[in-house]
Amino acid sequence: MSDLNAQFTKAQADVKTLSARPSNDTLLELYSLYKQATEGDVTGKRPGMLAVKDRAKYDAWEKVRGTGKTEAMQKYVDLVSRLLKK
């Protein structure tokens, strides 16, 4: 598990060095996997219609509900790795 933690920490730093900005969908996927890995399932009320950005983040996080911390960390690491290869 500590190896995965190290990879996850490195991926968090690596994502900030991407040469091109990922698509909004990819950014939401990164966000949702990060939040799932660090906080677990989404909580609280879904933001209202006028809070478009917050609502999109909430919905993306909701899609990964039930994903375990380890699995979310691995998916995050894998996604960042794919982005770095582009």
PDB file of N, CA and C in Angstrom:
ATOM      1  N   MET A   1       0.828  -1.199   0.000  1.00  0.00           N
ATOM      2  CA  MET A   1       0.000   0.000   0.000  1.00  0.00           C
ATOM      3  C   MET A   1       0.868   1.257   0.000  1.00  0.00           C
ATOM      4  N   SER A   2       2.002   1.238   0.677  1.00  0.00           N
ATOM      5  CA  SER A   2       2.833   2.439   0.747  1.00  0.00           C
ATOM      6  C   SER A   2       3.403   2.785  -0.627  1.00  0.00           C
ATOM      7  N   ASP A   3       3.651   1.767  -1.477  1.00  0.00           N
ATOM      8  CA  ASP A   3       4.113   2.022  -2.839  1.00  0.00           C
ATOM      9  C   ASP A   3       3.038   2.774  -3.622  1.00  0.00           C
ATOM     10  N   LEU A   4       1.787   2.372  -3.467  1.00  0.00           N
ATOM     11  CA  LEU A   4       0.687   3.049  -4.128  1.00  0.00           C
ATOM     12  C   LEU A   4       0.549   4.477  -3.608  1.00  0.00           C
ATOM     13  N   ASN A   5       0.723   4.655  -2.302  1.00  0.00           N
ATOM     14  CA  ASN A   5       0.673   6.009  -1.735  1.00  0.00           C
ATOM     15  C   ASN A   5       1.737   6.897  -2.363  1.00  0.00           C
ATOM     16  N   ALA A   6       2.930   6.358  -2.552  1.00  0.00           N
ATOM     17  CA  ALA A   6       4.014   7.123  -3.173  1.00  0.00           C
ATOM     18  C   ALA A   6       3.681   7.451  -4.624  1.00  0.00           C
ATOM     19  N   GLN A   7       3.140   6.487  -5.344  1.00  0.00           N
ATOM     20  CA  GLN A   7       2.739   6.727  -6.734  1.00  0.00           C
ATOM     21  C   GLN A   7       1.632   7.784  -6.804  1.00  0.00           C
ATOM     22  N   PHE A   8       0.695   7.710  -5.884  1.00  0.00           N
ATOM     23  CA  PHE A   8      -0.424   8.657  -5.841  1.00  0.00           C
ATOM     24  C   PHE A   8       0.095  10.067  -5.564  1.00  0.00           C
ATOM     25  N   THR A   9       1.004  10.196  -4.630  1.00  0.00           N
ATOM     26  CA  THR A   9       1.594  11.490  -4.305  1.00  0.00           C
ATOM     27  C   THR A   9       2.365  12.041  -5.506  1.00  0.00           C
ATOM     28  N   LYS A  10       3.114  11.169  -6.176  1.00  0.00           N
ATOM     29  CA  LYS A  10       3.865  11.592  -7.360  1.00  0.00           C
ATOM     30  C   LYS A  10       2.913  12.014  -8.468  1.00  0.00           C
ATOM     31  N   ALA A  11       1.832  11.279  -8.658  1.00  0.00           N
ATOM     32  CA  ALA A  11       0.851  11.612  -9.694  1.00  0.00           C
ATOM     33  C   ALA A  11       0.220  12.975  -9.429  1.00  0.00           C
ATOM     34  N   GLN A  12      -0.003  13.298  -8.146  1.00  0.00           N
ATOM     35  CA  GLN A  12      -0.565  14.604  -7.799  1.00  0.00           C
ATOM     36  C   GLN A  12       0.378  15.724  -8.227  1.00  0.00           C
ATOM     37  N   ALA A  13       1.672  15.503  -8.082  1.00  0.00           N
ATOM     38  CA  ALA A  13       2.659  16.505  -8.506  1.00  0.00           C
ATOM     39  C   ALA A  13       2.780  16.512 -10.035  1.00  0.00           C
ATOM     40  N   ASP A  14       2.782  15.337 -10.635  1.00  0.00           N
ATOM     41  CA  ASP A  14       2.943  15.227 -12.087  1.00  0.00           C
ATOM     42  C   ASP A  14       1.793  15.883 -12.852  1.00  0.00           C
ATOM     43  N   VAL A  15       0.593  15.780 -12.324  1.00  0.00           N
ATOM     44  CA  VAL A  15      -0.567  16.330 -13.037  1.00  0.00           C
ATOM     45  C   VAL A  15      -0.446  17.848 -13.190  1.00  0.00           C
ATOM     46  N   LYS A  16       0.293  18.470 -12.312  1.00  0.00           N
ATOM     47  CA  LYS A  16       0.483  19.926 -12.379  1.00  0.00           C
ATOM     48  C   LYS A  16       1.498  20.322 -13.442  1.00  0.00           C
ATOM     49  N   THR A  17       2.210  19.345 -14.002  1.00  0.00           N
ATOM     50  CA  THR A  17       3.246  19.630 -14.991  1.00  0.00           C
ATOM     51  C   THR A  17       2.825  19.236 -16.406  1.00  0.00           C
ATOM     52  N   LEU A  18       1.572  18.897 -16.607  1.00  0.00           N
ATOM     53  CA  LEU A  18       1.118  18.492 -17.938  1.00  0.00           C
ATOM     54  C   LEU A  18       1.340  19.627 -18.934  1.00  0.00           C
ATOM     55  N   SER A  19       1.775  19.274 -20.132  1.00  0.00           N
ATOM     56  CA  SER A  19       2.071  20.290 -21.142  1.00  0.00           C
ATOM     57  C   SER A  19       0.797  20.889 -21.732  1.00  0.00           C
ATOM     58  N   ALA A  20      -0.273  20.123 -21.771  1.00  0.00           N
ATOM     59  CA  ALA A  20      -1.549  20.611 -22.296  1.00  0.00           C
ATOM     60  C   ALA A  20      -2.636  20.429 -21.245  1.00  0.00           C
ATOM     61  N   ARG A  21      -3.573  21.369 -21.231  1.00  0.00           N
ATOM     62  CA  ARG A  21      -4.689  21.284 -20.290  1.00  0.00           C
ATOM     63  C   ARG A  21      -5.616  20.148 -20.726  1.00  0.00           C
ATOM     64  N   PRO A  22      -5.924  19.240 -19.806  1.00  0.00           N
ATOM     65  CA  PRO A  22      -6.854  18.152 -20.148  1.00  0.00           C
ATOM     66  C   PRO A  22      -8.258  18.702 -20.423  1.00  0.00           C
ATOM     67  N   SER A  23      -9.069  17.904 -21.077  1.00  0.00           N
ATOM     68  CA  SER A  23     -10.464  18.294 -21.333  1.00  0.00           C
ATOM     69  C   SER A  23     -11.208  18.430 -20.002  1.00  0.00           C
ATOM     70  N   ASN A  24     -12.329  19.111 -20.057  1.00  0.00           N
ATOM     71  CA  ASN A  24     -13.134  19.275 -18.837  1.00  0.00           C
ATOM     72  C   ASN A  24     -13.571  17.924 -18.276  1.00  0.00           C
ATOM     73  N   ASP A  25     -13.921  16.990 -19.163  1.00  0.00           N
ATOM     74  CA  ASP A  25     -14.323  15.654 -18.697  1.00  0.00           C
ATOM     75  C   ASP A  25     -13.179  14.951 -17.972  1.00  0.00           C
ATOM     76  N   THR A  26     -11.973  15.096 -18.504  1.00  0.00           N
ATOM     77  CA  THR A  26     -10.805  14.480 -17.872  1.00  0.00           C
ATOM     78  C   THR A  26     -10.501  15.151 -16.541  1.00  0.00           C
ATOM     79  N   LEU A  27     -10.627  16.464 -16.504  1.00  0.00           N
ATOM     80  CA  LEU A  27     -10.411  17.173 -15.239  1.00  0.00           C
ATOM     81  C   LEU A  27     -11.414  16.720 -14.181  1.00  0.00           C
ATOM     82  N   LEU A  28     -12.652  16.525 -14.583  1.00  0.00           N
ATOM     83  CA  LEU A  28     -13.673  16.047 -13.644  1.00  0.00           C
ATOM     84  C   LEU A  28     -13.369  14.624 -13.180  1.00  0.00           C
ATOM     85  N   GLU A  29     -12.853  13.809 -14.081  1.00  0.00           N
ATOM     86  CA  GLU A  29     -12.482  12.440 -13.704  1.00  0.00           C
ATOM     87  C   GLU A  29     -11.330  12.459 -12.699  1.00  0.00           C
ATOM     88  N   LEU A  30     -10.332  13.299 -12.964  1.00  0.00           N
ATOM     89  CA  LEU A  30      -9.212  13.447 -12.020  1.00  0.00           C
ATOM     90  C   LEU A  30      -9.729  13.900 -10.660  1.00  0.00           C
ATOM     91  N   TYR A  31     -10.588  14.899 -10.669  1.00  0.00           N
ATOM     92  CA  TYR A  31     -11.154  15.435  -9.430  1.00  0.00           C
ATOM     93  C   TYR A  31     -11.898  14.354  -8.650  1.00  0.00           C
ATOM     94  N   SER A  32     -12.770  13.635  -9.359  1.00  0.00           N
ATOM     95  CA  SER A  32     -13.603  12.638  -8.671  1.00  0.00           C
ATOM     96  C   SER A  32     -12.760  11.505  -8.089  1.00  0.00           C
ATOM     97  N   LEU A  33     -11.760  11.056  -8.832  1.00  0.00           N
ATOM     98  CA  LEU A  33     -10.902   9.981  -8.324  1.00  0.00           C
ATOM     99  C   LEU A  33     -10.062  10.454  -7.138  1.00  0.00           C
ATOM    100  N   TYR A  34      -9.567  11.690  -7.227  1.00  0.00           N
ATOM    101  CA  TYR A  34      -8.787  12.251  -6.120  1.00  0.00           C
ATOM    102  C   TYR A  34      -9.655  12.344  -4.855  1.00  0.00           C
ATOM    103  N   LYS A  35     -10.841  12.900  -5.007  1.00  0.00           N
ATOM    104  CA  LYS A  35     -11.728  13.058  -3.848  1.00  0.00           C
ATOM    105  C   LYS A  35     -12.139  11.700  -3.275  1.00  0.00           C
ATOM    106  N   GLN A  36     -12.415  10.734  -4.141  1.00  0.00           N
ATOM    107  CA  GLN A  36     -12.803   9.403  -3.673  1.00  0.00           C
ATOM    108  C   GLN A  36     -11.654   8.751  -2.925  1.00  0.00           C
ATOM    109  N   ALA A  37     -10.432   8.931  -3.425  1.00  0.00           N
ATOM    110  CA  ALA A  37      -9.261   8.335  -2.784  1.00  0.00           C
ATOM    111  C   ALA A  37      -8.936   8.992  -1.454  1.00  0.00           C
ATOM    112  N   THR A  38      -9.186  10.289  -1.346  1.00  0.00           N
ATOM    113  CA  THR A  38      -8.794  11.008  -0.134  1.00  0.00           C
ATOM    114  C   THR A  38      -9.917  11.170   0.883  1.00  0.00           C
ATOM    115  N   GLU A  39     -11.176  11.201   0.416  1.00  0.00           N
ATOM    116  CA  GLU A  39     -12.293  11.447   1.339  1.00  0.00           C
ATOM    117  C   GLU A  39     -13.361  10.372   1.359  1.00  0.00           C
ATOM    118  N   GLY A  40     -13.387   9.513   0.335  1.00  0.00           N
ATOM    119  CA  GLY A  40     -14.429   8.495   0.270  1.00  0.00           C
ATOM    120  C   GLY A  40     -15.644   9.006  -0.486  1.00  0.00           C
ATOM    121  N   ASP A  41     -16.784   8.385  -0.255  1.00  0.00           N
ATOM    122  CA  ASP A  41     -18.002   8.734  -0.984  1.00  0.00           C
ATOM    123  C   ASP A  41     -18.415  10.180  -0.750  1.00  0.00           C
ATOM    124  N   VAL A  42     -19.001  10.760  -1.801  1.00  0.00           N
ATOM    125  CA  VAL A  42     -19.488  12.134  -1.739  1.00  0.00           C
ATOM    126  C   VAL A  42     -20.571  12.247  -0.669  1.00  0.00           C
ATOM    127  N   THR A  43     -20.590  13.380   0.006  1.00  0.00           N
ATOM    128  CA  THR A  43     -21.600  13.632   1.036  1.00  0.00           C
ATOM    129  C   THR A  43     -22.221  14.997   0.775  1.00  0.00           C
ATOM    130  N   GLY A  44     -23.279  15.279   1.485  1.00  0.00           N
ATOM    131  CA  GLY A  44     -23.926  16.576   1.361  1.00  0.00           C
ATOM    132  C   GLY A  44     -24.923  16.608   0.222  1.00  0.00           C
ATOM    133  N   LYS A  45     -25.560  17.763   0.098  1.00  0.00           N
ATOM    134  CA  LYS A  45     -26.575  17.949  -0.934  1.00  0.00           C
ATOM    135  C   LYS A  45     -25.937  18.299  -2.261  1.00  0.00           C
ATOM    136  N   ARG A  46     -26.597  17.896  -3.309  1.00  0.00           N
ATOM    137  CA  ARG A  46     -26.161  18.248  -4.662  1.00  0.00           C
ATOM    138  C   ARG A  46     -26.370  19.752  -4.850  1.00  0.00           C
ATOM    139  N   PRO A  47     -25.359  20.457  -5.349  1.00  0.00           N
ATOM    140  CA  PRO A  47     -25.505  21.905  -5.550  1.00  0.00           C
ATOM    141  C   PRO A  47     -26.642  22.240  -6.521  1.00  0.00           C
ATOM    142  N   GLY A  48     -27.173  23.428  -6.382  1.00  0.00           N
ATOM    143  CA  GLY A  48     -28.289  23.868  -7.213  1.00  0.00           C
ATOM    144  C   GLY A  48     -27.894  24.098  -8.663  1.00  0.00           C
ATOM    145  N   MET A  49     -28.889  24.311  -9.503  1.00  0.00           N
ATOM    146  CA  MET A  49     -28.682  24.465 -10.946  1.00  0.00           C
ATOM    147  C   MET A  49     -27.782  25.649 -11.297  1.00  0.00           C
ATOM    148  N   LEU A  50     -27.770  26.674 -10.493  1.00  0.00           N
ATOM    149  CA  LEU A  50     -26.979  27.859 -10.804  1.00  0.00           C
ATOM    150  C   LEU A  50     -25.500  27.682 -10.477  1.00  0.00           C
ATOM    151  N   ALA A  51     -25.188  26.714  -9.661  1.00  0.00           N
ATOM    152  CA  ALA A  51     -23.786  26.419  -9.310  1.00  0.00           C
ATOM    153  C   ALA A  51     -23.276  25.349 -10.272  1.00  0.00           C
ATOM    154  N   VAL A  52     -23.114  25.733 -11.532  1.00  0.00           N
ATOM    155  CA  VAL A  52     -22.815  24.780 -12.601  1.00  0.00           C
ATOM    156  C   VAL A  52     -21.522  24.004 -12.337  1.00  0.00           C
ATOM    157  N   LYS A  53     -20.459  24.704 -11.996  1.00  0.00           N
ATOM    158  CA  LYS A  53     -19.160  24.047 -11.778  1.00  0.00           C
ATOM    159  C   LYS A  53     -19.221  23.096 -10.582  1.00  0.00           C
ATOM    160  N   ASP A  54     -19.789  23.571  -9.482  1.00  0.00           N
ATOM    161  CA  ASP A  54     -19.884  22.731  -8.286  1.00  0.00           C
ATOM    162  C   ASP A  54     -20.778  21.520  -8.525  1.00  0.00           C
ATOM    163  N   ARG A  55     -21.826  21.719  -9.294  1.00  0.00           N
ATOM    164  CA  ARG A  55     -22.741  20.622  -9.604  1.00  0.00           C
ATOM    165  C   ARG A  55     -22.037  19.560 -10.455  1.00  0.00           C
ATOM    166  N   ALA A  56     -21.246  20.001 -11.424  1.00  0.00           N
ATOM    167  CA  ALA A  56     -20.508  19.060 -12.273  1.00  0.00           C
ATOM    168  C   ALA A  56     -19.508  18.263 -11.446  1.00  0.00           C
ATOM    169  N   LYS A  57     -18.833  18.929 -10.517  1.00  0.00           N
ATOM    170  CA  LYS A  57     -17.882  18.234  -9.646  1.00  0.00           C
ATOM    171  C   LYS A  57     -18.601  17.211  -8.770  1.00  0.00           C
ATOM    172  N   TYR A  58     -19.719  17.618  -8.197  1.00  0.00           N
ATOM    173  CA  TYR A  58     -20.501  16.722  -7.351  1.00  0.00           C
ATOM    174  C   TYR A  58     -20.938  15.489  -8.150  1.00  0.00           C
ATOM    175  N   ASP A  59     -21.470  15.726  -9.350  1.00  0.00           N
ATOM    176  CA  ASP A  59     -21.967  14.626 -10.180  1.00  0.00           C
ATOM    177  C   ASP A  59     -20.841  13.664 -10.564  1.00  0.00           C
ATOM    178  N   ALA A  60     -19.669  14.216 -10.891  1.00  0.00           N
ATOM    179  CA  ALA A  60     -18.525  13.364 -11.242  1.00  0.00           C
ATOM    180  C   ALA A  60     -18.115  12.511 -10.056  1.00  0.00           C
ATOM    181  N   TRP A  61     -18.084  13.105  -8.880  1.00  0.00           N
ATOM    182  CA  TRP A  61     -17.708  12.376  -7.675  1.00  0.00           C
ATOM    183  C   TRP A  61     -18.749  11.307  -7.355  1.00  0.00           C
ATOM    184  N   GLU A  62     -20.012  11.654  -7.562  1.00  0.00           N
ATOM    185  CA  GLU A  62     -21.109  10.715  -7.296  1.00  0.00           C
ATOM    186  C   GLU A  62     -20.976   9.465  -8.171  1.00  0.00           C
ATOM    187  N   LYS A  63     -20.460   9.625  -9.393  1.00  0.00           N
ATOM    188  CA  LYS A  63     -20.314   8.493 -10.316  1.00  0.00           C
ATOM    189  C   LYS A  63     -19.350   7.427  -9.793  1.00  0.00           C
ATOM    190  N   VAL A  64     -18.412   7.821  -8.948  1.00  0.00           N
ATOM    191  CA  VAL A  64     -17.444   6.845  -8.428  1.00  0.00           C
ATOM    192  C   VAL A  64     -17.786   6.385  -7.007  1.00  0.00           C
ATOM    193  N   ARG A  65     -18.988   6.703  -6.571  1.00  0.00           N
ATOM    194  CA  ARG A  65     -19.450   6.270  -5.243  1.00  0.00           C
ATOM    195  C   ARG A  65     -19.263   4.758  -5.105  1.00  0.00           C
ATOM    196  N   GLY A  66     -18.754   4.343  -3.966  1.00  0.00           N
ATOM    197  CA  GLY A  66     -18.572   2.916  -3.699  1.00  0.00           C
ATOM    198  C   GLY A  66     -17.210   2.381  -4.120  1.00  0.00           C
ATOM    199  N   THR A  67     -16.454   3.180  -4.871  1.00  0.00           N
ATOM    200  CA  THR A  67     -15.109   2.768  -5.266  1.00  0.00           C
ATOM    201  C   THR A  67     -14.209   2.849  -4.042  1.00  0.00           C
ATOM    202  N   GLY A  68     -13.447   1.814  -3.785  1.00  0.00           N
ATOM    203  CA  GLY A  68     -12.558   1.788  -2.634  1.00  0.00           C
ATOM    204  C   GLY A  68     -11.406   2.772  -2.789  1.00  0.00           C
ATOM    205  N   LYS A  69     -10.823   3.140  -1.665  1.00  0.00           N
ATOM    206  CA  LYS A  69      -9.713   4.099  -1.658  1.00  0.00           C
ATOM    207  C   LYS A  69      -8.558   3.612  -2.529  1.00  0.00           C
ATOM    208  N   THR A  70      -8.168   2.369  -2.379  1.00  0.00           N
ATOM    209  CA  THR A  70      -7.043   1.820  -3.125  1.00  0.00           C
ATOM    210  C   THR A  70      -7.335   1.816  -4.624  1.00  0.00           C
ATOM    211  N   GLU A  71      -8.528   1.405  -4.990  1.00  0.00           N
ATOM    212  CA  GLU A  71      -8.903   1.369  -6.407  1.00  0.00           C
ATOM    213  C   GLU A  71      -8.929   2.783  -6.999  1.00  0.00           C
ATOM    214  N   ALA A  72      -9.468   3.742  -6.260  1.00  0.00           N
ATOM    215  CA  ALA A  72      -9.517   5.127  -6.738  1.00  0.00           C
ATOM    216  C   ALA A  72      -8.102   5.698  -6.902  1.00  0.00           C
ATOM    217  N   MET A  73      -7.230   5.385  -5.961  1.00  0.00           N
ATOM    218  CA  MET A  73      -5.838   5.844  -6.065  1.00  0.00           C
ATOM    219  C   MET A  73      -5.177   5.263  -7.309  1.00  0.00           C
ATOM    220  N   GLN A  74      -5.374   3.976  -7.558  1.00  0.00           N
ATOM    221  CA  GLN A  74      -4.761   3.324  -8.710  1.00  0.00           C
ATOM    222  C   GLN A  74      -5.305   3.906 -10.012  1.00  0.00           C
ATOM    223  N   LYS A  75      -6.606   4.133 -10.078  1.00  0.00           N
ATOM    224  CA  LYS A  75      -7.201   4.716 -11.280  1.00  0.00           C
ATOM    225  C   LYS A  75      -6.674   6.130 -11.524  1.00  0.00           C
ATOM    226  N   TYR A  76      -6.475   6.887 -10.467  1.00  0.00           N
ATOM    227  CA  TYR A  76      -5.919   8.235 -10.574  1.00  0.00           C
ATOM    228  C   TYR A  76      -4.494   8.169 -11.124  1.00  0.00           C
ATOM    229  N   VAL A  77      -3.678   7.302 -10.553  1.00  0.00           N
ATOM    230  CA  VAL A  77      -2.291   7.125 -10.997  1.00  0.00           C
ATOM    231  C   VAL A  77      -2.264   6.709 -12.471  1.00  0.00           C
ATOM    232  N   ASP A  78      -3.120   5.768 -12.851  1.00  0.00           N
ATOM    233  CA  ASP A  78      -3.161   5.291 -14.236  1.00  0.00           C
ATOM    234  C   ASP A  78      -3.581   6.403 -15.195  1.00  0.00           C
ATOM    235  N   LEU A  79      -4.570   7.206 -14.811  1.00  0.00           N
ATOM    236  CA  LEU A  79      -5.042   8.297 -15.650  1.00  0.00           C
ATOM    237  C   LEU A  79      -3.949   9.342 -15.840  1.00  0.00           C
ATOM    238  N   VAL A  80      -3.283   9.727 -14.775  1.00  0.00           N
ATOM    239  CA  VAL A  80      -2.192  10.696 -14.884  1.00  0.00           C
ATOM    240  C   VAL A  80      -1.080  10.149 -15.765  1.00  0.00           C
ATOM    241  N   SER A  81      -0.779   8.879 -15.618  1.00  0.00           N
ATOM    242  CA  SER A  81       0.250   8.242 -16.444  1.00  0.00           C
ATOM    243  C   SER A  81      -0.114   8.326 -17.923  1.00  0.00           C
ATOM    244  N   ARG A  82      -1.374   8.052 -18.261  1.00  0.00           N
ATOM    245  CA  ARG A  82      -1.828   8.147 -19.656  1.00  0.00           C
ATOM    246  C   ARG A  82      -1.728   9.588 -20.158  1.00  0.00           C
ATOM    247  N   LEU A  83      -2.073  10.546 -19.329  1.00  0.00           N
ATOM    248  CA  LEU A  83      -2.012  11.956 -19.728  1.00  0.00           C
ATOM    249  C   LEU A  83      -0.582  12.407 -19.974  1.00  0.00           C
ATOM    250  N   LEU A  84       0.348  11.904 -19.189  1.00  0.00           N
ATOM    251  CA  LEU A  84       1.747  12.272 -19.359  1.00  0.00           C
ATOM    252  C   LEU A  84       2.324  11.728 -20.666  1.00  0.00           C
ATOM    253  N   LYS A  85       1.771  10.635 -21.154  1.00  0.00           N
ATOM    254  CA  LYS A  85       2.262  10.018 -22.392  1.00  0.00           C
ATOM    255  C   LYS A  85       1.747  10.712 -23.639  1.00  0.00           C
ATOM    256  N   LYS A  86       0.729  11.551 -23.483  1.00  0.00           N
ATOM    257  CA  LYS A  86       0.152  12.256 -24.655  1.00  0.00           C
ATOM    258  C   LYS A  86       1.069  13.336 -25.139  1.00  0.00           C
TER     259      LYS A  86
END
